[in-house]
């Protein structure tokens, strides 16, 4: 059997068996979320039918019910990079620019797990067990999303005990990104460590400007 291309997302095997590996995000461990300010900081996105696909959302469970999702990250840099900086070009001669008006829609909050969360490990040994490389699942561009969502659906179905997925952020590859399944985890499983702060002004803007300066992104 030929190994999959580094950047092509392979089809999900008909039977995953015992290949998926899980890890635990322990109770009390913090995480950082950049959220849309129309919603509560710990609310799950229900996934209306018209919303576009993301890396691992949206999909229906085996009964045809849409699975809500919540994305968060290990630290501030990954949370910002996976949201505010996500669509910025890399390698262009022109500076990467985020319109300041966009910041009005975003807030940043620190959360903490109230219980142990079982996450499917999509990095390190977990990827190798699935026969995958980062570039063929967690490092693809949007063109790969239809198939990466199928992997999320299959992993969700194969591991009823899994609360979500964890992988190394594509946009900031030294921190983990997390997606929680809203039919397994709930808002009550997450505790705010202080109020959410806007990214356009105040302490949130200080955090954003630090990340922008470090990565060469211009806010204008």
N, C-alpha and C. Protein backbone atom coordinates (compact mmCIF):
# COMPACT_ATOMS: atom_id res chain seq x y z
N UNK A 1 0.84 -1.19 0.00
CA UNK A 1 0.00 0.00 0.00
C UNK A 1 0.88 1.24 0.00
N UNK A 2 0.63 2.14 -0.93
CA UNK A 2 1.46 3.32 -1.07
C UNK A 2 1.14 4.34 0.01
N UNK A 3 2.18 4.96 0.58
CA UNK A 3 1.98 5.96 1.61
C UNK A 3 1.27 7.18 1.02
N UNK A 4 0.38 7.84 1.78
CA UNK A 4 -0.31 9.01 1.26
C UNK A 4 0.65 10.16 1.03
N UNK A 5 0.29 11.02 0.08
CA UNK A 5 1.08 12.22 -0.18
C UNK A 5 1.09 13.10 1.05
N UNK A 6 2.16 13.86 1.21
CA UNK A 6 2.31 14.74 2.37
C UNK A 6 1.15 15.73 2.48
N UNK A 7 0.58 16.15 1.35
CA UNK A 7 -0.43 17.20 1.40
C UNK A 7 -1.80 16.75 0.92
N UNK A 8 -1.95 15.50 0.51
CA UNK A 8 -3.25 15.00 0.09
C UNK A 8 -3.94 14.35 1.28
N UNK A 9 -5.21 14.69 1.50
CA UNK A 9 -5.95 14.11 2.62
C UNK A 9 -6.48 12.75 2.19
N UNK A 10 -6.02 11.65 2.81
CA UNK A 10 -6.48 10.32 2.40
C UNK A 10 -7.92 10.08 2.83
N UNK A 11 -8.57 9.15 2.17
CA UNK A 11 -9.91 8.75 2.58
C UNK A 11 -9.86 8.08 3.94
N UNK A 12 -10.96 8.21 4.67
CA UNK A 12 -11.05 7.54 5.97
C UNK A 12 -11.19 6.04 5.74
N UNK A 13 -10.40 5.22 6.44
CA UNK A 13 -10.56 3.77 6.28
C UNK A 13 -11.96 3.32 6.69
N UNK A 14 -12.40 2.22 6.12
CA UNK A 14 -13.72 1.71 6.46
C UNK A 14 -13.84 1.32 7.92
N UNK A 15 -12.75 0.94 8.54
CA UNK A 15 -12.75 0.53 9.95
C UNK A 15 -11.52 1.12 10.62
N UNK A 16 -11.73 1.97 11.64
CA UNK A 16 -10.61 2.57 12.35
C UNK A 16 -10.07 1.65 13.43
N UNK A 17 -10.90 0.75 13.93
CA UNK A 17 -10.45 -0.21 14.94
C UNK A 17 -9.85 0.49 16.16
N UNK A 18 -8.68 0.01 16.61
CA UNK A 18 -8.03 0.59 17.79
C UNK A 18 -6.93 1.58 17.41
N UNK A 19 -6.98 2.08 16.19
CA UNK A 19 -5.92 2.98 15.74
C UNK A 19 -5.95 4.36 16.40
N UNK A 20 -7.14 4.97 16.60
CA UNK A 20 -7.11 6.31 17.22
C UNK A 20 -6.55 6.27 18.64
N UNK A 21 -5.77 7.29 18.97
CA UNK A 21 -5.16 7.40 20.30
C UNK A 21 -5.76 8.62 20.99
N UNK A 22 -6.11 8.49 22.26
CA UNK A 22 -6.65 9.62 23.00
C UNK A 22 -5.67 10.09 24.06
N UNK A 23 -5.82 11.35 24.41
CA UNK A 23 -5.03 11.95 25.47
C UNK A 23 -6.00 12.74 26.35
N UNK A 24 -5.56 13.15 27.52
CA UNK A 24 -6.45 13.83 28.47
C UNK A 24 -6.00 15.27 28.66
N UNK A 25 -6.96 16.19 28.50
CA UNK A 25 -6.76 17.59 28.92
C UNK A 25 -7.31 17.65 30.33
N UNK A 26 -6.42 17.72 31.31
CA UNK A 26 -6.81 17.49 32.69
C UNK A 26 -7.64 18.64 33.27
N UNK A 27 -8.52 18.27 34.17
CA UNK A 27 -9.33 19.24 34.89
C UNK A 27 -8.43 20.31 35.52
N UNK A 28 -8.81 21.55 35.34
CA UNK A 28 -8.03 22.66 35.88
C UNK A 28 -7.03 23.25 34.90
N UNK A 29 -6.74 22.54 33.81
CA UNK A 29 -5.77 23.05 32.84
C UNK A 29 -6.40 24.17 32.02
N UNK A 30 -5.73 25.31 31.90
CA UNK A 30 -6.32 26.43 31.18
C UNK A 30 -6.20 26.30 29.67
N UNK A 31 -6.97 27.10 28.99
CA UNK A 31 -6.93 27.23 27.53
C UNK A 31 -7.36 28.66 27.20
N UNK A 32 -7.13 29.05 25.96
CA UNK A 32 -7.46 30.42 25.54
C UNK A 32 -8.36 30.34 24.31
N UNK A 33 -9.38 31.17 24.31
CA UNK A 33 -10.29 31.18 23.17
C UNK A 33 -10.47 32.60 22.66
N UNK A 34 -10.39 32.76 21.34
CA UNK A 34 -10.83 33.99 20.67
C UNK A 34 -12.22 33.68 20.12
N UNK A 35 -13.20 34.47 20.52
CA UNK A 35 -14.59 34.17 20.21
C UNK A 35 -15.26 35.37 19.53
N UNK A 36 -16.34 35.09 18.81
CA UNK A 36 -17.13 36.16 18.20
C UNK A 36 -17.98 36.80 19.28
N UNK A 37 -17.99 38.10 19.35
CA UNK A 37 -18.61 38.79 20.47
C UNK A 37 -20.14 38.79 20.42
N UNK A 38 -20.72 38.22 19.38
CA UNK A 38 -22.17 38.02 19.36
C UNK A 38 -22.59 36.85 20.25
N UNK A 39 -21.60 36.06 20.72
CA UNK A 39 -21.89 34.85 21.48
C UNK A 39 -21.17 34.89 22.82
N UNK A 40 -21.62 34.04 23.74
CA UNK A 40 -20.94 33.92 25.02
C UNK A 40 -19.56 33.29 24.81
N UNK A 41 -18.60 33.64 25.65
CA UNK A 41 -17.23 33.12 25.45
C UNK A 41 -17.12 31.61 25.47
N UNK A 42 -18.02 30.92 26.20
CA UNK A 42 -17.93 29.47 26.28
C UNK A 42 -19.04 28.77 25.51
N UNK A 43 -19.71 29.48 24.62
CA UNK A 43 -20.82 28.86 23.89
C UNK A 43 -20.31 28.07 22.68
N UNK A 44 -21.03 27.01 22.35
CA UNK A 44 -20.71 26.15 21.21
C UNK A 44 -21.43 26.69 19.97
N UNK A 45 -20.78 26.56 18.81
CA UNK A 45 -21.39 26.94 17.55
C UNK A 45 -22.28 25.79 17.10
N UNK A 46 -23.60 26.05 16.93
CA UNK A 46 -24.51 24.95 16.60
C UNK A 46 -24.40 24.47 15.16
N UNK A 47 -23.76 25.25 14.28
CA UNK A 47 -23.54 24.80 12.92
C UNK A 47 -24.77 24.80 12.05
N UNK A 48 -25.28 25.99 11.75
CA UNK A 48 -26.42 26.06 10.83
C UNK A 48 -25.99 25.58 9.46
N UNK A 49 -26.94 25.12 8.68
CA UNK A 49 -26.63 24.42 7.43
C UNK A 49 -25.90 25.27 6.41
N UNK A 50 -26.02 26.60 6.51
CA UNK A 50 -25.40 27.46 5.50
C UNK A 50 -23.97 27.85 5.84
N UNK A 51 -23.48 27.49 7.02
CA UNK A 51 -22.12 27.88 7.40
C UNK A 51 -21.09 27.06 6.64
N UNK A 52 -19.97 27.70 6.27
CA UNK A 52 -18.94 26.96 5.53
C UNK A 52 -18.23 25.96 6.42
N UNK A 53 -17.59 25.00 5.76
CA UNK A 53 -16.79 24.01 6.48
C UNK A 53 -15.55 24.67 7.08
N UNK A 54 -15.12 24.15 8.22
CA UNK A 54 -13.80 24.44 8.76
C UNK A 54 -12.99 23.17 8.73
N UNK A 55 -11.85 23.18 9.40
CA UNK A 55 -10.99 21.99 9.33
C UNK A 55 -11.72 20.74 9.83
N UNK A 56 -12.43 20.86 10.93
CA UNK A 56 -13.08 19.68 11.49
C UNK A 56 -14.58 19.88 11.76
N UNK A 57 -15.19 20.86 11.11
CA UNK A 57 -16.62 21.08 11.29
C UNK A 57 -17.22 21.55 9.96
N UNK A 58 -18.50 21.38 9.73
CA UNK A 58 -19.50 20.75 10.59
C UNK A 58 -19.84 19.39 10.02
N UNK A 59 -20.36 18.50 10.88
CA UNK A 59 -20.77 17.19 10.42
C UNK A 59 -21.96 16.72 11.27
N UNK A 60 -22.67 15.73 10.74
CA UNK A 60 -23.80 15.14 11.45
C UNK A 60 -23.37 13.81 12.05
N UNK A 61 -23.95 13.46 13.20
CA UNK A 61 -23.66 12.17 13.81
C UNK A 61 -24.41 11.05 13.08
N UNK A 62 -24.28 9.84 13.60
CA UNK A 62 -24.87 8.69 12.91
C UNK A 62 -26.39 8.74 12.87
N UNK A 63 -27.00 9.60 13.68
CA UNK A 63 -28.47 9.75 13.66
C UNK A 63 -28.90 10.96 12.83
N UNK A 64 -27.94 11.60 12.19
CA UNK A 64 -28.26 12.75 11.35
C UNK A 64 -28.39 14.05 12.09
N UNK A 65 -27.91 14.12 13.33
CA UNK A 65 -27.97 15.35 14.13
C UNK A 65 -26.67 16.13 13.99
N UNK A 66 -26.78 17.41 13.75
CA UNK A 66 -25.60 18.26 13.63
C UNK A 66 -24.87 18.34 14.97
N UNK A 67 -23.54 18.17 14.95
CA UNK A 67 -22.73 18.21 16.16
C UNK A 67 -22.19 19.62 16.35
N UNK A 68 -22.60 20.33 17.40
CA UNK A 68 -22.04 21.66 17.68
C UNK A 68 -20.55 21.54 18.01
N UNK A 69 -19.80 22.63 17.83
CA UNK A 69 -18.37 22.59 18.10
C UNK A 69 -17.93 23.86 18.83
N UNK A 70 -16.82 23.74 19.52
CA UNK A 70 -16.17 24.88 20.16
C UNK A 70 -14.68 24.74 19.93
N UNK A 71 -14.07 25.76 19.32
CA UNK A 71 -12.63 25.79 19.10
C UNK A 71 -11.96 26.62 20.18
N UNK A 72 -10.84 26.14 20.66
CA UNK A 72 -10.03 26.88 21.61
C UNK A 72 -8.57 26.49 21.37
N UNK A 73 -7.67 26.95 22.21
CA UNK A 73 -6.25 26.70 21.97
C UNK A 73 -5.48 26.67 23.28
N UNK A 74 -4.27 26.19 23.17
CA UNK A 74 -3.40 26.05 24.34
C UNK A 74 -2.95 27.40 24.88
N UNK A 75 -2.76 28.39 24.00
CA UNK A 75 -2.26 29.68 24.43
C UNK A 75 -2.78 30.81 23.57
N UNK A 76 -2.41 32.03 23.93
CA UNK A 76 -2.89 33.22 23.24
C UNK A 76 -2.48 33.25 21.77
N UNK A 77 -1.24 32.88 21.48
CA UNK A 77 -0.73 33.01 20.12
C UNK A 77 -1.47 32.08 19.15
N UNK A 78 -1.71 30.84 19.57
CA UNK A 78 -2.45 29.93 18.70
C UNK A 78 -3.90 30.38 18.54
N UNK A 79 -4.52 30.85 19.63
CA UNK A 79 -5.90 31.29 19.56
C UNK A 79 -6.05 32.46 18.59
N UNK A 80 -5.15 33.42 18.64
CA UNK A 80 -5.19 34.57 17.74
C UNK A 80 -4.84 34.15 16.31
N UNK A 81 -3.82 33.32 16.18
CA UNK A 81 -3.37 32.92 14.84
C UNK A 81 -4.43 32.11 14.11
N UNK A 82 -5.21 31.31 14.84
CA UNK A 82 -6.23 30.46 14.21
C UNK A 82 -7.53 31.20 13.92
N UNK A 83 -7.63 32.45 14.34
CA UNK A 83 -8.85 33.23 14.10
C UNK A 83 -8.53 34.53 13.37
N UNK A 84 -7.97 35.49 14.06
CA UNK A 84 -7.72 36.81 13.48
C UNK A 84 -6.71 36.76 12.35
N UNK A 85 -5.66 35.93 12.49
CA UNK A 85 -4.60 35.86 11.48
C UNK A 85 -4.80 34.72 10.47
N UNK A 86 -5.86 33.97 10.62
CA UNK A 86 -6.01 32.71 9.90
C UNK A 86 -5.90 32.83 8.38
N UNK A 87 -6.53 33.85 7.81
CA UNK A 87 -6.60 33.96 6.34
C UNK A 87 -5.53 34.86 5.74
N UNK A 88 -4.57 35.29 6.54
CA UNK A 88 -3.53 36.18 6.03
C UNK A 88 -2.55 35.40 5.15
N UNK A 89 -2.08 36.03 4.06
CA UNK A 89 -1.11 35.34 3.20
C UNK A 89 0.24 35.19 3.90
N UNK A 90 0.95 34.13 3.56
CA UNK A 90 2.29 33.89 4.09
C UNK A 90 3.26 33.87 2.91
N UNK A 91 4.36 34.58 3.03
CA UNK A 91 5.36 34.57 1.96
C UNK A 91 5.16 35.64 0.91
N UNK A 92 4.16 36.49 1.07
CA UNK A 92 3.91 37.56 0.12
C UNK A 92 4.90 38.70 0.34
N UNK A 93 5.21 39.44 -0.73
CA UNK A 93 6.09 40.60 -0.59
C UNK A 93 5.39 41.74 0.13
N UNK A 94 4.06 41.75 0.04
CA UNK A 94 3.28 42.78 0.72
C UNK A 94 3.07 42.38 2.18
N UNK A 95 2.99 43.36 3.09
CA UNK A 95 2.76 43.02 4.49
C UNK A 95 1.37 42.41 4.69
N UNK A 96 1.28 41.49 5.63
CA UNK A 96 -0.02 40.91 5.99
C UNK A 96 -0.75 41.92 6.86
N UNK A 97 -1.97 42.26 6.47
CA UNK A 97 -2.71 43.34 7.13
C UNK A 97 -4.04 42.82 7.65
N UNK A 98 -4.34 43.12 8.91
CA UNK A 98 -5.65 42.86 9.49
C UNK A 98 -6.36 44.20 9.62
N UNK A 99 -7.54 44.37 8.99
CA UNK A 99 -8.28 45.62 9.15
C UNK A 99 -8.69 45.83 10.60
N UNK A 100 -8.43 47.01 11.11
CA UNK A 100 -8.77 47.28 12.51
C UNK A 100 -10.26 47.10 12.77
N UNK A 101 -11.09 47.38 11.78
CA UNK A 101 -12.54 47.23 11.95
C UNK A 101 -12.93 45.79 12.26
N UNK A 102 -12.13 44.83 11.80
CA UNK A 102 -12.43 43.42 12.05
C UNK A 102 -12.35 43.07 13.54
N UNK A 103 -11.51 43.80 14.26
CA UNK A 103 -11.28 43.47 15.66
C UNK A 103 -12.51 43.69 16.52
N UNK A 104 -13.44 44.53 16.06
CA UNK A 104 -14.65 44.80 16.84
C UNK A 104 -15.48 43.55 17.06
N UNK A 105 -15.29 42.53 16.22
CA UNK A 105 -16.11 41.32 16.31
C UNK A 105 -15.53 40.29 17.28
N UNK A 106 -14.31 40.51 17.77
CA UNK A 106 -13.61 39.46 18.52
C UNK A 106 -13.35 39.83 19.97
N UNK A 107 -13.42 38.81 20.81
CA UNK A 107 -12.98 38.94 22.19
C UNK A 107 -12.07 37.77 22.53
N UNK A 108 -11.34 37.90 23.61
CA UNK A 108 -10.43 36.85 24.07
C UNK A 108 -10.79 36.50 25.51
N UNK A 109 -10.81 35.21 25.79
CA UNK A 109 -11.13 34.76 27.14
C UNK A 109 -10.24 33.59 27.51
N UNK A 110 -9.90 33.51 28.78
CA UNK A 110 -9.20 32.35 29.31
C UNK A 110 -10.22 31.43 29.97
N UNK A 111 -10.15 30.17 29.62
CA UNK A 111 -11.07 29.17 30.15
C UNK A 111 -10.28 28.10 30.90
N UNK A 112 -10.99 27.33 31.69
CA UNK A 112 -10.37 26.21 32.38
C UNK A 112 -11.34 25.04 32.34
N UNK A 113 -10.81 23.85 32.08
CA UNK A 113 -11.65 22.66 32.07
C UNK A 113 -12.09 22.33 33.50
N UNK A 114 -13.38 22.09 33.69
CA UNK A 114 -13.89 21.72 35.00
C UNK A 114 -13.77 20.21 35.25
N UNK A 115 -13.51 19.45 34.20
CA UNK A 115 -13.35 18.00 34.32
C UNK A 115 -12.32 17.54 33.30
N UNK A 116 -11.83 16.34 33.45
CA UNK A 116 -10.92 15.79 32.45
C UNK A 116 -11.65 15.68 31.11
N UNK A 117 -10.99 16.11 30.04
CA UNK A 117 -11.55 16.02 28.70
C UNK A 117 -10.72 15.02 27.89
N UNK A 118 -11.37 14.01 27.36
CA UNK A 118 -10.69 13.01 26.52
C UNK A 118 -10.66 13.52 25.09
N UNK A 119 -9.47 13.68 24.53
CA UNK A 119 -9.30 14.26 23.20
C UNK A 119 -8.57 13.28 22.28
N UNK A 120 -9.05 13.15 21.06
CA UNK A 120 -8.35 12.33 20.07
C UNK A 120 -7.06 13.04 19.68
N UNK A 121 -5.95 12.37 19.82
CA UNK A 121 -4.62 12.96 19.60
C UNK A 121 -4.29 12.94 18.11
N UNK A 122 -4.28 14.13 17.51
CA UNK A 122 -3.97 14.26 16.08
C UNK A 122 -2.62 14.96 15.90
N UNK A 123 -1.67 14.54 16.72
CA UNK A 123 -0.28 14.99 16.59
C UNK A 123 0.59 13.88 17.17
N UNK A 124 1.88 13.94 16.91
CA UNK A 124 2.80 12.96 17.47
C UNK A 124 2.42 11.53 17.14
N UNK A 125 2.45 10.67 18.16
CA UNK A 125 2.14 9.26 17.96
C UNK A 125 0.72 9.05 17.44
N UNK A 126 -0.19 9.94 17.83
CA UNK A 126 -1.57 9.79 17.40
C UNK A 126 -1.73 9.84 15.90
N UNK A 127 -1.00 10.74 15.23
CA UNK A 127 -1.07 10.82 13.76
C UNK A 127 -0.47 9.57 13.12
N UNK A 128 0.66 9.13 13.64
CA UNK A 128 1.30 7.95 13.05
C UNK A 128 0.41 6.71 13.18
N UNK A 129 -0.27 6.57 14.30
CA UNK A 129 -1.18 5.44 14.48
C UNK A 129 -2.28 5.43 13.41
N UNK A 130 -2.67 6.61 12.97
CA UNK A 130 -3.70 6.71 11.94
C UNK A 130 -3.12 6.63 10.53
N UNK A 131 -1.79 6.53 10.43
CA UNK A 131 -1.15 6.47 9.12
C UNK A 131 -1.12 7.80 8.40
N UNK A 132 -1.06 8.89 9.18
CA UNK A 132 -1.15 10.23 8.60
C UNK A 132 0.08 11.06 8.96
N UNK A 133 0.30 12.10 8.14
CA UNK A 133 1.29 13.12 8.43
C UNK A 133 0.56 14.43 8.68
N UNK A 134 1.19 15.39 9.39
CA UNK A 134 0.49 16.65 9.65
C UNK A 134 -0.02 17.32 8.37
N UNK A 135 0.79 17.27 7.30
CA UNK A 135 0.40 17.95 6.07
C UNK A 135 -0.81 17.35 5.40
N UNK A 136 -1.17 16.12 5.78
CA UNK A 136 -2.30 15.47 5.13
C UNK A 136 -3.57 15.48 5.99
N UNK A 137 -3.55 16.17 7.13
CA UNK A 137 -4.76 16.29 7.94
C UNK A 137 -4.84 17.64 8.65
N UNK A 138 -3.86 17.95 9.48
CA UNK A 138 -3.94 19.17 10.29
C UNK A 138 -3.20 20.35 9.66
N UNK A 139 -2.51 20.12 8.55
CA UNK A 139 -1.76 21.20 7.90
C UNK A 139 -2.27 21.56 6.52
N UNK A 140 -3.44 21.06 6.15
CA UNK A 140 -3.98 21.36 4.82
C UNK A 140 -4.56 22.76 4.78
N UNK A 141 -4.76 23.27 3.56
CA UNK A 141 -5.52 24.48 3.36
C UNK A 141 -7.00 24.18 3.27
N UNK A 142 -7.83 25.21 3.04
CA UNK A 142 -9.29 25.00 2.97
C UNK A 142 -9.74 24.01 1.91
N UNK A 143 -8.93 23.82 0.87
CA UNK A 143 -9.32 22.87 -0.17
C UNK A 143 -9.44 21.44 0.37
N UNK A 144 -8.78 21.16 1.48
CA UNK A 144 -8.84 19.82 2.06
C UNK A 144 -9.96 19.63 3.07
N UNK A 145 -10.69 20.69 3.40
CA UNK A 145 -11.66 20.60 4.48
C UNK A 145 -12.78 19.57 4.26
N UNK A 146 -13.32 19.40 3.06
CA UNK A 146 -14.36 18.37 2.92
C UNK A 146 -13.91 17.01 3.42
N UNK A 147 -12.65 16.67 3.21
CA UNK A 147 -12.18 15.35 3.65
C UNK A 147 -11.71 15.37 5.11
N UNK A 148 -11.12 16.49 5.58
CA UNK A 148 -10.73 16.52 7.00
C UNK A 148 -11.96 16.49 7.90
N UNK A 149 -13.06 17.08 7.44
CA UNK A 149 -14.31 16.99 8.20
C UNK A 149 -14.79 15.54 8.27
N UNK A 150 -14.59 14.78 7.19
CA UNK A 150 -14.97 13.37 7.22
C UNK A 150 -14.15 12.60 8.26
N UNK A 151 -12.88 12.96 8.42
CA UNK A 151 -12.07 12.34 9.47
C UNK A 151 -12.64 12.67 10.85
N UNK A 152 -13.04 13.93 11.05
CA UNK A 152 -13.62 14.31 12.35
C UNK A 152 -14.89 13.51 12.61
N UNK A 153 -15.74 13.38 11.60
CA UNK A 153 -16.98 12.62 11.75
C UNK A 153 -16.68 11.16 12.11
N UNK A 154 -15.71 10.57 11.41
CA UNK A 154 -15.38 9.16 11.65
C UNK A 154 -14.79 8.96 13.05
N UNK A 155 -13.92 9.86 13.49
CA UNK A 155 -13.32 9.74 14.81
C UNK A 155 -14.38 9.94 15.90
N UNK A 156 -15.28 10.88 15.68
CA UNK A 156 -16.38 11.09 16.61
C UNK A 156 -17.22 9.82 16.75
N UNK A 157 -17.50 9.17 15.63
CA UNK A 157 -18.31 7.96 15.67
C UNK A 157 -17.59 6.77 16.25
N UNK A 158 -16.27 6.69 16.03
CA UNK A 158 -15.51 5.53 16.47
C UNK A 158 -15.18 5.56 17.96
N UNK A 159 -15.15 6.75 18.56
CA UNK A 159 -14.77 6.89 19.97
C UNK A 159 -15.86 7.63 20.73
N UNK A 160 -16.88 6.92 21.19
CA UNK A 160 -17.97 7.58 21.92
C UNK A 160 -17.51 8.29 23.19
N UNK A 161 -16.34 7.89 23.70
CA UNK A 161 -15.83 8.52 24.92
C UNK A 161 -15.07 9.82 24.66
N UNK A 162 -14.81 10.14 23.40
CA UNK A 162 -14.00 11.32 23.07
C UNK A 162 -14.83 12.60 23.18
N UNK A 163 -14.27 13.58 23.87
CA UNK A 163 -14.91 14.90 24.00
C UNK A 163 -14.52 15.85 22.88
N UNK A 164 -13.50 15.49 22.10
CA UNK A 164 -13.06 16.38 21.04
C UNK A 164 -11.75 15.92 20.43
N UNK A 165 -11.10 16.85 19.74
CA UNK A 165 -9.86 16.59 19.02
C UNK A 165 -8.79 17.58 19.49
N UNK A 166 -7.52 17.19 19.41
CA UNK A 166 -6.42 18.10 19.70
C UNK A 166 -5.31 17.87 18.68
N UNK A 167 -4.73 18.98 18.18
CA UNK A 167 -3.67 18.90 17.18
C UNK A 167 -2.78 20.12 17.32
N UNK A 168 -1.63 20.09 16.64
CA UNK A 168 -0.75 21.26 16.64
C UNK A 168 -1.31 22.28 15.67
N UNK A 169 -1.48 23.50 16.15
CA UNK A 169 -2.04 24.56 15.33
C UNK A 169 -1.26 24.72 14.02
N UNK A 170 -1.98 24.77 12.91
CA UNK A 170 -1.32 25.00 11.62
C UNK A 170 -0.74 26.42 11.56
N UNK A 171 -1.45 27.37 12.14
CA UNK A 171 -1.05 28.76 12.05
C UNK A 171 0.01 29.16 13.07
N UNK A 172 0.13 28.38 14.14
CA UNK A 172 1.14 28.64 15.18
C UNK A 172 1.54 27.28 15.73
N UNK A 173 2.52 26.67 15.08
CA UNK A 173 2.74 25.23 15.27
C UNK A 173 3.54 24.84 16.50
N UNK A 174 3.65 25.74 17.47
CA UNK A 174 4.26 25.34 18.74
C UNK A 174 3.23 25.27 19.86
N UNK A 175 1.95 25.47 19.53
CA UNK A 175 0.88 25.32 20.51
C UNK A 175 -0.24 24.46 19.94
N UNK A 176 -0.99 23.84 20.82
CA UNK A 176 -2.07 22.96 20.41
C UNK A 176 -3.36 23.73 20.17
N UNK A 177 -4.11 23.25 19.21
CA UNK A 177 -5.48 23.71 18.98
C UNK A 177 -6.43 22.59 19.39
N UNK A 178 -7.61 22.96 19.81
CA UNK A 178 -8.58 21.99 20.34
C UNK A 178 -9.94 22.28 19.74
N UNK A 179 -10.68 21.23 19.39
CA UNK A 179 -12.09 21.37 19.05
C UNK A 179 -12.88 20.40 19.91
N UNK A 180 -13.88 20.92 20.63
CA UNK A 180 -14.73 20.09 21.47
C UNK A 180 -16.04 19.77 20.76
N UNK A 181 -16.51 18.54 20.93
CA UNK A 181 -17.79 18.11 20.39
C UNK A 181 -18.90 18.55 21.34
N UNK A 182 -19.87 19.31 20.82
CA UNK A 182 -20.92 19.84 21.67
C UNK A 182 -21.96 18.84 22.12
N UNK A 183 -21.92 17.61 21.59
CA UNK A 183 -22.81 16.57 22.10
C UNK A 183 -22.13 15.71 23.16
N UNK A 184 -20.88 16.03 23.47
CA UNK A 184 -20.14 15.29 24.49
C UNK A 184 -19.73 16.24 25.63
N UNK A 185 -19.14 17.36 25.28
CA UNK A 185 -18.79 18.39 26.25
C UNK A 185 -19.88 19.47 26.24
N UNK A 186 -19.96 20.21 27.34
CA UNK A 186 -20.98 21.25 27.47
C UNK A 186 -20.36 22.52 28.01
N UNK A 187 -21.14 23.61 27.96
CA UNK A 187 -20.65 24.88 28.50
C UNK A 187 -20.28 24.74 29.96
N UNK A 188 -21.03 23.94 30.72
CA UNK A 188 -20.76 23.81 32.16
C UNK A 188 -19.43 23.10 32.42
N UNK A 189 -18.84 22.48 31.40
CA UNK A 189 -17.54 21.83 31.56
C UNK A 189 -16.39 22.83 31.47
N UNK A 190 -16.71 24.07 31.14
CA UNK A 190 -15.69 25.11 30.99
C UNK A 190 -15.97 26.26 31.94
N UNK A 191 -14.93 26.73 32.59
CA UNK A 191 -15.05 27.82 33.55
C UNK A 191 -14.23 29.01 33.05
N UNK A 192 -14.82 30.19 33.09
CA UNK A 192 -14.08 31.40 32.71
C UNK A 192 -13.08 31.76 33.80
N UNK A 193 -11.88 32.10 33.39
CA UNK A 193 -10.86 32.61 34.32
C UNK A 193 -10.82 34.13 34.13
N UNK A 194 -11.84 34.79 34.60
CA UNK A 194 -11.97 36.22 34.38
C UNK A 194 -12.88 36.50 33.19
N UNK A 195 -13.25 37.76 33.00
CA UNK A 195 -14.17 38.11 31.92
C UNK A 195 -13.48 38.08 30.56
N UNK A 196 -14.27 37.92 29.52
CA UNK A 196 -13.74 38.07 28.18
C UNK A 196 -13.40 39.53 27.92
N UNK A 197 -12.34 39.77 27.14
CA UNK A 197 -11.91 41.15 26.86
C UNK A 197 -11.93 41.39 25.35
N UNK A 198 -12.34 42.58 24.90
CA UNK A 198 -12.31 42.87 23.46
C UNK A 198 -10.89 42.92 22.95
N UNK A 199 -10.72 42.57 21.68
CA UNK A 199 -9.39 42.63 21.08
C UNK A 199 -9.08 44.00 20.50
N UNK A 200 -10.08 44.84 20.36
CA UNK A 200 -9.83 46.12 19.72
C UNK A 200 -9.24 47.15 20.67
N UNK A 201 -9.52 47.02 21.96
CA UNK A 201 -9.06 48.00 22.94
C UNK A 201 -8.60 47.31 24.22
N UNK A 202 -7.93 48.07 25.06
CA UNK A 202 -7.61 47.60 26.40
C UNK A 202 -6.62 46.44 26.44
N UNK A 203 -6.71 45.61 27.49
CA UNK A 203 -5.76 44.50 27.65
C UNK A 203 -5.75 43.53 26.48
N UNK A 204 -6.92 43.31 25.87
CA UNK A 204 -6.97 42.42 24.71
C UNK A 204 -6.17 42.95 23.55
N UNK A 205 -6.20 44.26 23.36
CA UNK A 205 -5.43 44.87 22.26
C UNK A 205 -3.93 44.77 22.52
N UNK A 206 -3.54 44.85 23.77
CA UNK A 206 -2.13 44.69 24.12
C UNK A 206 -1.65 43.30 23.73
N UNK A 207 -2.47 42.28 24.05
CA UNK A 207 -2.12 40.90 23.69
C UNK A 207 -2.05 40.75 22.18
N UNK A 208 -3.03 41.31 21.48
CA UNK A 208 -3.07 41.20 20.02
C UNK A 208 -1.87 41.90 19.38
N UNK A 209 -1.56 43.11 19.84
CA UNK A 209 -0.44 43.85 19.26
C UNK A 209 0.88 43.12 19.47
N UNK A 210 1.04 42.47 20.63
CA UNK A 210 2.26 41.71 20.87
C UNK A 210 2.39 40.59 19.85
N UNK A 211 1.29 39.86 19.62
CA UNK A 211 1.32 38.77 18.65
C UNK A 211 1.56 39.30 17.23
N UNK A 212 0.93 40.41 16.90
CA UNK A 212 1.09 40.99 15.56
C UNK A 212 2.53 41.45 15.35
N UNK A 213 3.12 42.11 16.31
CA UNK A 213 4.50 42.57 16.18
C UNK A 213 5.45 41.39 16.05
N UNK A 214 5.21 40.33 16.81
CA UNK A 214 6.10 39.17 16.77
C UNK A 214 6.04 38.46 15.42
N UNK A 215 4.86 38.48 14.77
CA UNK A 215 4.69 37.74 13.52
C UNK A 215 4.75 38.62 12.28
N UNK A 216 4.99 39.92 12.46
CA UNK A 216 5.10 40.80 11.31
C UNK A 216 3.77 41.14 10.68
N UNK A 217 2.69 41.09 11.43
CA UNK A 217 1.36 41.42 10.93
C UNK A 217 1.05 42.88 11.25
N UNK A 218 0.45 43.57 10.30
CA UNK A 218 0.10 44.98 10.46
C UNK A 218 -1.39 45.09 10.76
N UNK A 219 -1.74 45.86 11.80
CA UNK A 219 -3.13 46.17 12.11
C UNK A 219 -3.38 47.59 11.59
N UNK A 220 -4.29 47.73 10.65
CA UNK A 220 -4.50 49.06 10.04
C UNK A 220 -5.96 49.29 9.70
